[in-house]
N, C-alpha and C. Protein backbone atom coordinates (compact mmCIF):
# COMPACT_ATOMS: atom_id res chain seq x y z
N MET A 1 134.25 63.44 27.32
CA MET A 1 133.71 64.66 28.10
C MET A 1 132.68 65.56 27.45
N ASP A 2 132.41 65.14 25.74
CA ASP A 2 131.51 65.73 25.30
C ASP A 2 130.10 65.11 25.74
N MET A 3 130.19 63.93 26.19
CA MET A 3 128.82 62.94 26.47
C MET A 3 128.22 63.76 27.82
N SER A 4 129.11 63.95 28.80
CA SER A 4 128.63 64.74 30.21
C SER A 4 128.10 65.87 30.16
N ILE A 5 128.33 66.43 29.36
CA ILE A 5 128.17 67.84 28.52
C ILE A 5 126.36 67.88 27.95
N ALA A 6 126.14 67.17 27.20
CA ALA A 6 125.45 66.62 26.66
C ALA A 6 124.43 66.06 27.34
N ALA A 7 124.37 65.47 28.47
CA ALA A 7 124.08 64.65 29.46
C ALA A 7 123.29 65.76 30.20
N MET A 8 124.57 66.91 30.52
CA MET A 8 124.03 67.75 31.69
C MET A 8 123.05 68.79 31.01
N SER A 9 122.84 68.77 29.57
CA SER A 9 122.35 69.71 29.07
C SER A 9 121.44 69.46 28.78
N VAL A 10 120.57 68.06 28.77
CA VAL A 10 119.34 67.11 28.66
C VAL A 10 118.81 67.69 29.70
N GLY A 11 119.42 67.44 31.01
CA GLY A 11 118.93 67.51 32.29
C GLY A 11 118.38 68.62 32.63
N MET A 12 119.29 69.68 31.70
CA MET A 12 119.06 71.14 32.47
C MET A 12 117.52 71.08 31.65
N HIS A 13 117.56 71.05 30.62
CA HIS A 13 116.42 71.58 29.80
C HIS A 13 114.93 70.57 30.58
N GLN A 14 115.00 69.35 30.88
CA GLN A 14 114.24 68.33 31.34
C GLN A 14 113.86 69.37 33.05
N ALA A 15 114.48 69.90 33.46
CA ALA A 15 114.12 70.16 34.75
C ALA A 15 113.19 71.56 34.74
N GLU A 16 113.91 72.42 33.41
CA GLU A 16 113.36 73.47 32.86
C GLU A 16 111.83 73.30 32.60
N LEU A 17 111.84 72.28 31.73
CA LEU A 17 110.40 71.89 31.38
C LEU A 17 109.21 71.75 32.24
N TRP A 18 109.99 70.69 33.57
CA TRP A 18 109.15 70.18 34.62
C TRP A 18 108.93 71.74 35.20
N GLN A 19 109.62 72.32 35.35
CA GLN A 19 109.51 73.49 36.25
C GLN A 19 108.51 74.80 35.50
N ASN A 20 108.31 74.85 34.21
CA ASN A 20 107.70 75.46 33.58
C ASN A 20 106.39 74.72 33.39
N ILE A 21 105.99 73.79 33.55
CA ILE A 21 104.72 72.75 33.94
C ILE A 21 104.46 73.13 34.99
N GLY A 22 104.75 72.74 36.13
CA GLY A 22 104.71 73.34 37.44
C GLY A 22 104.23 74.44 37.61
N ILE A 23 104.77 75.65 37.18
CA ILE A 23 104.00 77.34 37.24
C ILE A 23 102.72 77.23 36.44
N GLU A 24 102.98 76.57 35.26
CA GLU A 24 101.45 76.36 34.75
C GLU A 24 100.14 75.74 35.30
N VAL A 25 100.81 74.41 35.71
CA VAL A 25 99.62 73.90 36.83
C VAL A 25 99.37 75.15 38.04
N LEU A 26 99.97 75.57 38.61
CA LEU A 26 99.91 76.62 39.46
C LEU A 26 98.92 77.61 39.45
N LYS A 27 98.86 78.23 38.24
CA LYS A 27 98.22 79.32 37.62
C LYS A 27 96.78 78.92 37.34
N LYS A 28 96.94 77.57 36.62
CA LYS A 28 95.48 77.00 36.64
C LYS A 28 94.91 77.06 37.93
N ALA A 29 95.48 76.69 38.99
CA ALA A 29 94.77 76.55 40.19
C ALA A 29 94.51 77.76 40.72
N MET A 30 95.04 78.43 40.47
CA MET A 30 95.26 80.26 41.33
C MET A 30 94.30 80.61 40.44
N ASP A 31 93.60 80.52 39.18
CA ASP A 31 92.81 80.95 38.50
C ASP A 31 91.53 80.04 39.14
N ALA A 32 91.05 79.04 39.19
CA ALA A 32 90.33 78.24 39.65
C ALA A 32 89.68 79.06 41.45
N ASP A 33 90.74 78.81 41.97
CA ASP A 33 90.25 79.45 43.41
C ASP A 33 89.57 80.53 43.10
N THR A 34 90.11 81.70 42.32
CA THR A 34 89.86 83.13 42.23
C THR A 34 88.43 83.16 41.44
N GLU A 35 88.11 82.00 40.48
CA GLU A 35 86.83 82.30 40.06
C GLU A 35 85.92 81.48 41.22
N MET A 36 86.24 80.42 42.04
CA MET A 36 85.73 80.34 42.86
C MET A 36 84.98 81.10 43.99
N ILE A 37 86.03 81.71 44.16
CA ILE A 37 85.73 82.83 45.26
C ILE A 37 84.86 83.89 45.10
N GLU A 38 84.88 84.14 43.45
CA GLU A 38 84.59 85.13 43.18
C GLU A 38 82.95 85.23 43.09
N GLU A 39 82.44 83.51 42.75
CA GLU A 39 80.95 82.93 42.57
C GLU A 39 80.76 82.92 44.19
N ALA A 40 81.35 82.88 45.36
CA ALA A 40 81.29 82.54 46.20
C ALA A 40 80.59 84.15 47.09
N LEU A 41 81.27 84.83 46.70
CA LEU A 41 80.87 86.30 47.14
C LEU A 41 79.79 86.79 46.44
N ASP A 42 79.82 86.69 44.86
CA ASP A 42 78.93 87.20 44.18
C ASP A 42 78.57 88.80 44.35
N ILE A 43 79.51 89.58 44.62
CA ILE A 43 78.89 90.95 44.85
C ILE A 43 77.96 91.43 44.56
N GLY A 44 78.01 91.47 42.90
CA GLY A 44 76.71 92.04 42.38
C GLY A 44 75.10 92.13 42.92
N SER A 45 74.87 90.58 43.56
CA SER A 45 73.93 90.36 43.91
C SER A 45 73.61 90.65 45.49
N LEU A 46 74.21 90.99 46.26
CA LEU A 46 73.98 91.68 47.30
C LEU A 46 73.21 92.77 47.30
N ASP A 47 72.38 93.05 48.46
CA ASP A 47 71.35 94.31 48.77
C ASP A 47 72.20 95.22 49.13
N PRO A 48 72.48 96.62 48.19
CA PRO A 48 73.21 97.85 48.82
C PRO A 48 73.00 98.37 50.46
N ALA A 49 71.58 98.19 50.73
CA ALA A 49 71.25 98.36 51.96
C ALA A 49 71.34 97.39 53.18
N LEU A 50 71.80 95.94 52.91
CA LEU A 50 72.09 95.53 53.84
C LEU A 50 73.00 95.45 54.88
N GLY A 51 72.61 95.87 56.16
CA GLY A 51 73.57 95.85 56.96
C GLY A 51 73.51 97.59 57.87
N ASN A 52 72.97 98.11 56.89
CA ASN A 52 72.83 99.64 57.45
C ASN A 52 71.86 99.89 58.96
N ASN A 53 70.79 99.13 59.09
CA ASN A 53 69.89 99.17 60.34
C ASN A 53 70.37 98.03 61.06
N VAL A 54 70.40 98.18 62.62
CA VAL A 54 70.52 96.88 63.42
C VAL A 54 69.62 97.44 64.40
N ASP A 55 68.63 96.37 64.34
CA ASP A 55 67.70 96.10 65.49
C ASP A 55 68.44 95.71 66.97
N ILE A 56 68.10 96.54 68.09
CA ILE A 56 69.03 96.23 69.22
C ILE A 56 67.90 96.15 70.35
N SER A 57 66.43 96.15 69.90
CA SER A 57 65.33 96.21 70.84
C SER A 57 65.58 94.73 71.56
N VAL A 58 65.03 94.42 72.90
CA VAL A 58 65.06 93.66 73.70
C VAL A 58 63.62 93.08 74.08
């Protein structure tokens, strides 16, 4: 019986390790996506007057 408890403990710790690894990988992916979006938007480089006037002449 002690062997099965030990095996179960090892299995639970391995599952926890893989879960933590998965979480860290997802965090890295989210950080990369956020950085890519911020670079694509680059809000600081936009002209603040952009879009204030619309030319509707035909």
